[in-house]
Amino acid sequence: MKMLIRLISVSLLLSAFAFAQQPTQKVVVDLTTGDAKTITSHFIKGFANTLGHFQKNGSDVDTVVVIHGDAYRFFVQKLEQSPYSNDQELKKRQQEFLAGFTMLMKKYHVRFEVCSEGMKARKLDKDIFYSFVYPVPSAQISLIEWQNRGYAYLPFR
């Protein structure tokens, strides 16, 4: 009887290991590119495939995107109130970018942060950005803090 109980216990334990979720994958994205093709094909589509891979294999993914450099333009909701008001490609593709960012947030719970120092330098008010973009004091400080918490660094330039 003791042998049967041990066998059942071992079987249950092995089953639990087989179905146990993989560790959470943590990544901080350093997003600086101003190139629309890089945003759509490499960041939105390519990065979504990467996140999907981890989810498909049983891992949760905790992702933070730190926006600075030339990437601000893609996260401005009120283009007419920004230095990007004359950017025709951006105006034409704004909804496409927004749909991609929304998908990343909803499907993969991606958090978007924007560098306040760069915003000041470019005279960008926080109110012109999408509501899902959170200002942080500095991109460099944020990147350092996330990496010190164990997040893998991934640049998109």
N, C-alpha and C. Protein backbone atom coordinates (compact mmCIF):
# COMPACT_ATOMS: atom_id res chain seq x y z
N MET A 1 0.82 -1.19 0.00
CA MET A 1 0.00 0.00 0.00
C MET A 1 0.87 1.26 0.00
N LYS A 2 1.94 1.23 0.83
CA LYS A 2 2.84 2.39 0.87
C LYS A 2 3.49 2.61 -0.49
N MET A 3 3.80 1.54 -1.16
CA MET A 3 4.42 1.63 -2.49
C MET A 3 3.46 2.29 -3.48
N LEU A 4 2.20 1.91 -3.42
CA LEU A 4 1.19 2.48 -4.30
C LEU A 4 1.03 3.98 -4.03
N ILE A 5 1.01 4.37 -2.79
CA ILE A 5 0.89 5.79 -2.42
C ILE A 5 2.11 6.56 -2.93
N ARG A 6 3.29 5.99 -2.78
CA ARG A 6 4.52 6.65 -3.29
C ARG A 6 4.47 6.80 -4.80
N LEU A 7 4.03 5.75 -5.47
CA LEU A 7 3.94 5.78 -6.93
C LEU A 7 2.95 6.85 -7.39
N ILE A 8 1.82 6.93 -6.73
CA ILE A 8 0.83 7.96 -7.07
C ILE A 8 1.39 9.35 -6.78
N SER A 9 2.06 9.52 -5.66
CA SER A 9 2.66 10.82 -5.30
C SER A 9 3.71 11.26 -6.32
N VAL A 10 4.56 10.32 -6.71
CA VAL A 10 5.58 10.63 -7.71
C VAL A 10 4.93 10.99 -9.04
N SER A 11 3.91 10.25 -9.42
CA SER A 11 3.21 10.53 -10.67
C SER A 11 2.57 11.92 -10.64
N LEU A 12 1.94 12.27 -9.54
CA LEU A 12 1.34 13.60 -9.41
C LEU A 12 2.40 14.70 -9.46
N LEU A 13 3.52 14.46 -8.81
CA LEU A 13 4.60 15.43 -8.79
C LEU A 13 5.18 15.63 -10.20
N LEU A 14 5.39 14.54 -10.92
CA LEU A 14 5.89 14.64 -12.29
C LEU A 14 4.90 15.35 -13.19
N SER A 15 3.61 15.09 -13.01
CA SER A 15 2.58 15.77 -13.79
C SER A 15 2.59 17.27 -13.51
N ALA A 16 2.77 17.62 -12.26
CA ALA A 16 2.82 19.04 -11.89
C ALA A 16 4.00 19.72 -12.57
N PHE A 17 5.15 19.06 -12.61
CA PHE A 17 6.32 19.63 -13.29
C PHE A 17 6.08 19.76 -14.78
N ALA A 18 5.43 18.80 -15.37
CA ALA A 18 5.18 18.82 -16.80
C ALA A 18 4.29 19.99 -17.20
N PHE A 19 3.33 20.34 -16.33
CA PHE A 19 2.41 21.42 -16.64
C PHE A 19 2.78 22.74 -15.97
N ALA A 20 3.88 22.75 -15.25
CA ALA A 20 4.30 23.99 -14.58
C ALA A 20 4.65 25.04 -15.61
N GLN A 21 4.29 26.25 -15.29
CA GLN A 21 4.58 27.35 -16.20
C GLN A 21 6.07 27.68 -16.13
N GLN A 22 6.60 28.06 -17.27
CA GLN A 22 7.99 28.46 -17.34
C GLN A 22 8.17 29.78 -16.61
N PRO A 23 9.40 30.11 -16.24
CA PRO A 23 9.62 31.38 -15.55
C PRO A 23 9.23 32.57 -16.43
N THR A 24 8.87 33.66 -15.79
CA THR A 24 8.52 34.88 -16.51
C THR A 24 9.74 35.43 -17.23
N GLN A 25 9.56 35.72 -18.50
CA GLN A 25 10.60 36.36 -19.30
C GLN A 25 10.44 37.87 -19.11
N LYS A 26 11.53 38.56 -18.79
CA LYS A 26 11.47 40.00 -18.54
C LYS A 26 12.37 40.72 -19.54
N VAL A 27 11.79 41.73 -20.20
CA VAL A 27 12.56 42.46 -21.20
C VAL A 27 12.23 43.95 -21.12
N VAL A 28 13.28 44.77 -21.25
CA VAL A 28 13.10 46.21 -21.37
C VAL A 28 13.60 46.60 -22.76
N VAL A 29 12.74 47.27 -23.51
CA VAL A 29 13.05 47.68 -24.88
C VAL A 29 13.50 49.13 -24.87
N ASP A 30 14.64 49.38 -25.49
CA ASP A 30 15.19 50.72 -25.66
C ASP A 30 14.77 51.18 -27.07
N LEU A 31 13.67 51.92 -27.14
CA LEU A 31 13.08 52.29 -28.43
C LEU A 31 13.45 53.72 -28.80
N THR A 32 14.33 53.85 -29.80
CA THR A 32 14.79 55.18 -30.22
C THR A 32 14.57 55.46 -31.70
N THR A 33 14.17 54.49 -32.46
CA THR A 33 14.09 54.65 -33.91
C THR A 33 12.98 55.63 -34.31
N GLY A 34 13.26 56.39 -35.34
CA GLY A 34 12.27 57.26 -35.94
C GLY A 34 11.81 56.72 -37.28
N ASP A 35 12.26 55.52 -37.62
CA ASP A 35 11.96 54.91 -38.90
C ASP A 35 10.65 54.12 -38.83
N ALA A 36 9.68 54.49 -39.65
CA ALA A 36 8.37 53.87 -39.64
C ALA A 36 8.43 52.38 -39.98
N LYS A 37 9.31 52.00 -40.91
CA LYS A 37 9.42 50.59 -41.29
C LYS A 37 9.94 49.75 -40.12
N THR A 38 10.90 50.28 -39.40
CA THR A 38 11.43 49.57 -38.23
C THR A 38 10.35 49.40 -37.18
N ILE A 39 9.54 50.44 -36.99
CA ILE A 39 8.46 50.36 -36.00
C ILE A 39 7.45 49.28 -36.40
N THR A 40 7.04 49.26 -37.65
CA THR A 40 6.00 48.30 -38.06
C THR A 40 6.54 46.88 -38.22
N SER A 41 7.61 46.72 -38.98
CA SER A 41 8.05 45.35 -39.27
C SER A 41 8.90 44.74 -38.17
N HIS A 42 9.76 45.51 -37.57
CA HIS A 42 10.66 44.93 -36.55
C HIS A 42 10.08 45.01 -35.15
N PHE A 43 9.55 46.18 -34.80
CA PHE A 43 9.05 46.32 -33.43
C PHE A 43 7.66 45.72 -33.27
N ILE A 44 6.68 46.25 -33.95
CA ILE A 44 5.31 45.77 -33.74
C ILE A 44 5.16 44.31 -34.17
N LYS A 45 5.50 43.98 -35.40
CA LYS A 45 5.29 42.61 -35.89
C LYS A 45 6.35 41.63 -35.37
N GLY A 46 7.61 41.98 -35.54
CA GLY A 46 8.69 41.08 -35.13
C GLY A 46 8.73 40.84 -33.64
N PHE A 47 8.60 41.91 -32.87
CA PHE A 47 8.64 41.77 -31.42
C PHE A 47 7.40 41.03 -30.90
N ALA A 48 6.26 41.27 -31.53
CA ALA A 48 5.05 40.52 -31.17
C ALA A 48 5.26 39.02 -31.39
N ASN A 49 5.94 38.66 -32.47
CA ASN A 49 6.25 37.24 -32.72
C ASN A 49 7.13 36.67 -31.62
N THR A 50 8.10 37.45 -31.18
CA THR A 50 8.99 37.02 -30.10
C THR A 50 8.20 36.80 -28.82
N LEU A 51 7.36 37.78 -28.46
CA LEU A 51 6.54 37.64 -27.25
C LEU A 51 5.59 36.46 -27.37
N GLY A 52 5.02 36.26 -28.56
CA GLY A 52 4.13 35.14 -28.80
C GLY A 52 4.83 33.80 -28.63
N HIS A 53 6.08 33.73 -29.05
CA HIS A 53 6.87 32.51 -28.89
C HIS A 53 6.97 32.11 -27.42
N PHE A 54 7.29 33.10 -26.58
CA PHE A 54 7.42 32.80 -25.15
C PHE A 54 6.08 32.37 -24.56
N GLN A 55 5.02 33.06 -24.92
CA GLN A 55 3.70 32.70 -24.39
C GLN A 55 3.29 31.30 -24.85
N LYS A 56 3.54 31.00 -26.11
CA LYS A 56 3.19 29.69 -26.65
C LYS A 56 3.92 28.57 -25.92
N ASN A 57 5.11 28.87 -25.43
CA ASN A 57 5.91 27.88 -24.73
C ASN A 57 5.73 27.94 -23.21
N GLY A 58 4.67 28.61 -22.77
CA GLY A 58 4.31 28.56 -21.36
C GLY A 58 4.91 29.62 -20.46
N SER A 59 5.56 30.61 -21.03
CA SER A 59 6.16 31.67 -20.21
C SER A 59 5.30 32.93 -20.25
N ASP A 60 5.16 33.54 -19.10
CA ASP A 60 4.62 34.90 -19.08
C ASP A 60 5.73 35.82 -19.55
N VAL A 61 5.36 36.95 -20.11
CA VAL A 61 6.35 37.92 -20.56
C VAL A 61 6.02 39.26 -19.93
N ASP A 62 6.99 39.84 -19.25
CA ASP A 62 6.83 41.15 -18.63
C ASP A 62 7.70 42.12 -19.43
N THR A 63 7.06 43.05 -20.13
CA THR A 63 7.77 43.91 -21.07
C THR A 63 7.52 45.38 -20.78
N VAL A 64 8.61 46.15 -20.79
CA VAL A 64 8.56 47.60 -20.66
C VAL A 64 9.28 48.19 -21.87
N VAL A 65 8.66 49.18 -22.50
CA VAL A 65 9.26 49.87 -23.63
C VAL A 65 9.57 51.29 -23.19
N VAL A 66 10.85 51.67 -23.28
CA VAL A 66 11.28 53.02 -22.92
C VAL A 66 11.48 53.80 -24.22
N ILE A 67 10.66 54.83 -24.39
CA ILE A 67 10.62 55.62 -25.63
C ILE A 67 11.47 56.88 -25.46
N HIS A 68 12.37 57.08 -26.41
CA HIS A 68 13.15 58.32 -26.44
C HIS A 68 13.78 58.46 -27.81
N GLY A 69 14.64 59.45 -27.98
CA GLY A 69 15.26 59.67 -29.29
C GLY A 69 14.22 60.08 -30.31
N ASP A 70 14.28 59.48 -31.49
CA ASP A 70 13.36 59.82 -32.58
C ASP A 70 12.03 59.07 -32.51
N ALA A 71 11.86 58.21 -31.51
CA ALA A 71 10.65 57.39 -31.42
C ALA A 71 9.44 58.13 -30.85
N TYR A 72 9.65 59.30 -30.28
CA TYR A 72 8.52 60.06 -29.70
C TYR A 72 7.36 60.17 -30.69
N ARG A 73 7.70 60.48 -31.93
CA ARG A 73 6.69 60.79 -32.96
C ARG A 73 5.59 59.75 -33.07
N PHE A 74 5.91 58.50 -32.85
CA PHE A 74 4.93 57.43 -33.03
C PHE A 74 3.92 57.34 -31.89
N PHE A 75 4.19 58.02 -30.80
CA PHE A 75 3.34 57.93 -29.61
C PHE A 75 2.58 59.22 -29.32
N VAL A 76 2.62 60.15 -30.26
CA VAL A 76 1.91 61.42 -30.13
C VAL A 76 0.50 61.25 -30.69
N GLN A 77 -0.48 61.49 -29.85
CA GLN A 77 -1.87 61.40 -30.28
C GLN A 77 -2.32 62.69 -30.96
N LYS A 78 -1.91 63.81 -30.41
CA LYS A 78 -2.35 65.12 -30.91
C LYS A 78 -1.24 65.70 -31.80
N LEU A 79 -1.16 65.18 -33.00
CA LEU A 79 -0.09 65.59 -33.93
C LEU A 79 -0.12 67.09 -34.20
N GLU A 80 -1.32 67.67 -34.31
CA GLU A 80 -1.43 69.09 -34.63
C GLU A 80 -0.83 69.98 -33.54
N GLN A 81 -0.65 69.46 -32.35
CA GLN A 81 -0.06 70.21 -31.24
C GLN A 81 1.40 69.84 -31.01
N SER A 82 2.02 69.26 -32.02
CA SER A 82 3.38 68.78 -31.87
C SER A 82 4.27 69.26 -33.01
N PRO A 83 5.57 69.10 -32.86
CA PRO A 83 6.49 69.43 -33.96
C PRO A 83 6.33 68.50 -35.16
N TYR A 84 5.54 67.45 -35.02
CA TYR A 84 5.35 66.47 -36.09
C TYR A 84 4.10 66.75 -36.91
N SER A 85 3.50 67.91 -36.75
CA SER A 85 2.22 68.24 -37.39
C SER A 85 2.30 68.23 -38.92
N ASN A 86 3.49 68.42 -39.49
CA ASN A 86 3.64 68.44 -40.95
C ASN A 86 4.13 67.11 -41.52
N ASP A 87 4.28 66.11 -40.68
CA ASP A 87 4.78 64.80 -41.12
C ASP A 87 3.61 64.03 -41.75
N GLN A 88 3.55 64.05 -43.07
CA GLN A 88 2.42 63.44 -43.79
C GLN A 88 2.36 61.92 -43.63
N GLU A 89 3.52 61.26 -43.66
CA GLU A 89 3.52 59.80 -43.49
C GLU A 89 3.00 59.44 -42.10
N LEU A 90 3.41 60.18 -41.10
CA LEU A 90 2.96 59.92 -39.75
C LEU A 90 1.45 60.11 -39.63
N LYS A 91 0.94 61.18 -40.22
CA LYS A 91 -0.51 61.43 -40.20
C LYS A 91 -1.26 60.27 -40.87
N LYS A 92 -0.74 59.85 -42.01
CA LYS A 92 -1.39 58.79 -42.79
C LYS A 92 -1.38 57.44 -42.06
N ARG A 93 -0.32 57.18 -41.30
CA ARG A 93 -0.14 55.87 -40.68
C ARG A 93 -0.39 55.85 -39.17
N GLN A 94 -0.84 56.97 -38.64
CA GLN A 94 -1.01 57.08 -37.18
C GLN A 94 -1.91 55.98 -36.62
N GLN A 95 -3.02 55.70 -37.27
CA GLN A 95 -3.94 54.67 -36.78
C GLN A 95 -3.32 53.27 -36.86
N GLU A 96 -2.50 53.05 -37.86
CA GLU A 96 -1.80 51.77 -37.99
C GLU A 96 -0.86 51.56 -36.81
N PHE A 97 -0.08 52.60 -36.48
CA PHE A 97 0.84 52.50 -35.34
C PHE A 97 0.06 52.28 -34.04
N LEU A 98 -0.98 53.07 -33.86
CA LEU A 98 -1.81 52.96 -32.65
C LEU A 98 -2.38 51.54 -32.52
N ALA A 99 -2.86 50.98 -33.60
CA ALA A 99 -3.41 49.62 -33.57
C ALA A 99 -2.34 48.61 -33.14
N GLY A 100 -1.12 48.78 -33.63
CA GLY A 100 -0.03 47.88 -33.25
C GLY A 100 0.33 48.00 -31.79
N PHE A 101 0.42 49.24 -31.29
CA PHE A 101 0.75 49.44 -29.87
C PHE A 101 -0.37 48.90 -28.98
N THR A 102 -1.60 49.11 -29.40
CA THR A 102 -2.75 48.63 -28.64
C THR A 102 -2.74 47.10 -28.57
N MET A 103 -2.42 46.46 -29.69
CA MET A 103 -2.32 45.00 -29.71
C MET A 103 -1.25 44.53 -28.73
N LEU A 104 -0.08 45.19 -28.73
CA LEU A 104 1.00 44.80 -27.82
C LEU A 104 0.56 44.94 -26.36
N MET A 105 -0.18 46.00 -26.08
CA MET A 105 -0.65 46.21 -24.70
C MET A 105 -1.69 45.16 -24.30
N LYS A 106 -2.66 44.94 -25.17
CA LYS A 106 -3.76 44.04 -24.81
C LYS A 106 -3.33 42.57 -24.80
N LYS A 107 -2.60 42.17 -25.79
CA LYS A 107 -2.23 40.76 -25.92
C LYS A 107 -1.04 40.37 -25.04
N TYR A 108 -0.09 41.31 -24.88
CA TYR A 108 1.15 40.98 -24.16
C TYR A 108 1.40 41.84 -22.93
N HIS A 109 0.47 42.73 -22.62
CA HIS A 109 0.56 43.59 -21.42
C HIS A 109 1.83 44.44 -21.39
N VAL A 110 2.20 44.97 -22.54
CA VAL A 110 3.40 45.81 -22.66
C VAL A 110 3.13 47.16 -22.01
N ARG A 111 4.09 47.64 -21.25
CA ARG A 111 4.03 48.97 -20.62
C ARG A 111 4.92 49.91 -21.43
N PHE A 112 4.41 51.12 -21.71
CA PHE A 112 5.15 52.12 -22.47
C PHE A 112 5.53 53.29 -21.56
N GLU A 113 6.83 53.60 -21.53
CA GLU A 113 7.33 54.75 -20.78
C GLU A 113 8.00 55.72 -21.74
N VAL A 114 7.93 57.00 -21.42
CA VAL A 114 8.53 58.02 -22.28
C VAL A 114 9.44 58.91 -21.43
N CYS A 115 10.58 59.26 -21.97
CA CYS A 115 11.60 60.05 -21.28
C CYS A 115 11.17 61.52 -21.17
N SER A 116 11.01 61.99 -19.93
CA SER A 116 10.61 63.38 -19.69
C SER A 116 11.70 64.38 -20.07
N GLU A 117 12.95 64.00 -19.90
CA GLU A 117 14.04 64.91 -20.26
C GLU A 117 14.03 65.20 -21.75
N GLY A 118 13.85 64.18 -22.54
CA GLY A 118 13.78 64.36 -23.99
C GLY A 118 12.53 65.13 -24.41
N MET A 119 11.45 64.91 -23.68
CA MET A 119 10.22 65.65 -23.96
C MET A 119 10.46 67.15 -23.76
N LYS A 120 11.13 67.49 -22.66
CA LYS A 120 11.43 68.91 -22.39
C LYS A 120 12.32 69.48 -23.48
N ALA A 121 13.33 68.74 -23.87
CA ALA A 121 14.27 69.22 -24.89
C ALA A 121 13.58 69.45 -26.23
N ARG A 122 12.56 68.65 -26.52
CA ARG A 122 11.83 68.76 -27.78
C ARG A 122 10.56 69.61 -27.65
N LYS A 123 10.35 70.13 -26.44
CA LYS A 123 9.15 70.93 -26.15
C LYS A 123 7.85 70.15 -26.43
N LEU A 124 7.82 68.93 -25.93
CA LEU A 124 6.66 68.06 -26.06
C LEU A 124 5.94 67.98 -24.72
N ASP A 125 4.69 68.37 -24.70
CA ASP A 125 3.89 68.31 -23.49
C ASP A 125 3.34 66.90 -23.31
N LYS A 126 3.27 66.42 -22.08
CA LYS A 126 2.79 65.06 -21.83
C LYS A 126 1.36 64.84 -22.29
N ASP A 127 0.57 65.91 -22.38
CA ASP A 127 -0.83 65.81 -22.77
C ASP A 127 -1.04 65.47 -24.25
N ILE A 128 0.01 65.58 -25.07
CA ILE A 128 -0.16 65.26 -26.50
C ILE A 128 0.05 63.78 -26.79
N PHE A 129 0.57 63.05 -25.80
CA PHE A 129 0.84 61.63 -25.97
C PHE A 129 -0.41 60.80 -25.69
N TYR A 130 -0.41 59.59 -26.21
CA TYR A 130 -1.49 58.66 -25.89
C TYR A 130 -1.52 58.43 -24.37
N SER A 131 -2.71 58.16 -23.86
CA SER A 131 -2.88 58.01 -22.41
C SER A 131 -2.16 56.78 -21.85
N PHE A 132 -1.80 55.84 -22.68
CA PHE A 132 -1.11 54.63 -22.21
C PHE A 132 0.41 54.82 -22.09
N VAL A 133 0.90 56.02 -22.40
CA VAL A 133 2.33 56.30 -22.31
C VAL A 133 2.60 57.01 -20.99
N TYR A 134 3.49 56.44 -20.19
CA TYR A 134 3.79 56.98 -18.87
C TYR A 134 5.13 57.71 -18.86
N PRO A 135 5.13 58.99 -18.49
CA PRO A 135 6.40 59.73 -18.41
C PRO A 135 7.27 59.21 -17.25
N VAL A 136 8.55 59.10 -17.52
CA VAL A 136 9.55 58.77 -16.50
C VAL A 136 10.60 59.87 -16.53
N PRO A 137 11.30 60.09 -15.42
CA PRO A 137 12.26 61.21 -15.38
C PRO A 137 13.32 61.17 -16.48
N SER A 138 13.83 59.99 -16.76
CA SER A 138 14.92 59.87 -17.73
C SER A 138 14.93 58.47 -18.33
N ALA A 139 15.16 58.38 -19.63
CA ALA A 139 15.25 57.07 -20.29
C ALA A 139 16.42 56.28 -19.73
N GLN A 140 17.55 56.94 -19.54
CA GLN A 140 18.73 56.22 -19.04
C GLN A 140 18.49 55.66 -17.64
N ILE A 141 17.90 56.48 -16.78
CA ILE A 141 17.61 56.00 -15.42
C ILE A 141 16.65 54.82 -15.47
N SER A 142 15.60 54.94 -16.26
CA SER A 142 14.62 53.86 -16.36
C SER A 142 15.26 52.58 -16.89
N LEU A 143 16.05 52.70 -17.95
CA LEU A 143 16.72 51.51 -18.51
C LEU A 143 17.63 50.85 -17.49
N ILE A 144 18.37 51.64 -16.75
CA ILE A 144 19.26 51.09 -15.72
C ILE A 144 18.45 50.39 -14.63
N GLU A 145 17.38 51.04 -14.17
CA GLU A 145 16.57 50.44 -13.11
C GLU A 145 15.94 49.12 -13.55
N TRP A 146 15.39 49.08 -14.76
CA TRP A 146 14.77 47.84 -15.24
C TRP A 146 15.81 46.74 -15.39
N GLN A 147 16.99 47.08 -15.91
CA GLN A 147 18.03 46.06 -16.06
C GLN A 147 18.50 45.55 -14.70
N ASN A 148 18.58 46.44 -13.72
CA ASN A 148 18.98 46.01 -12.39
C ASN A 148 17.93 45.13 -11.71
N ARG A 149 16.71 45.14 -12.24
CA ARG A 149 15.65 44.25 -11.74
C ARG A 149 15.63 42.93 -12.51
N GLY A 150 16.60 42.74 -13.39
CA GLY A 150 16.71 41.47 -14.10
C GLY A 150 16.08 41.45 -15.48
N TYR A 151 15.72 42.59 -16.03
CA TYR A 151 15.12 42.65 -17.36
C TYR A 151 16.22 42.62 -18.43
N ALA A 152 16.03 41.79 -19.44
CA ALA A 152 16.97 41.72 -20.55
C ALA A 152 16.82 42.99 -21.39
N TYR A 153 17.93 43.51 -21.85
CA TYR A 153 17.96 44.76 -22.64
C TYR A 153 17.85 44.43 -24.12
N LEU A 154 16.91 45.10 -24.79
CA LEU A 154 16.71 44.89 -26.23
C LEU A 154 16.57 46.25 -26.93
N PRO A 155 17.57 46.62 -27.74
CA PRO A 155 17.48 47.92 -28.42
C PRO A 155 16.75 47.83 -29.77
N PHE A 156 15.96 48.84 -30.05
CA PHE A 156 15.36 49.05 -31.37
C PHE A 156 15.75 50.45 -31.81
N ARG A 157 16.71 50.52 -32.73
CA ARG A 157 17.26 51.81 -33.16
C ARG A 157 17.03 52.04 -34.62
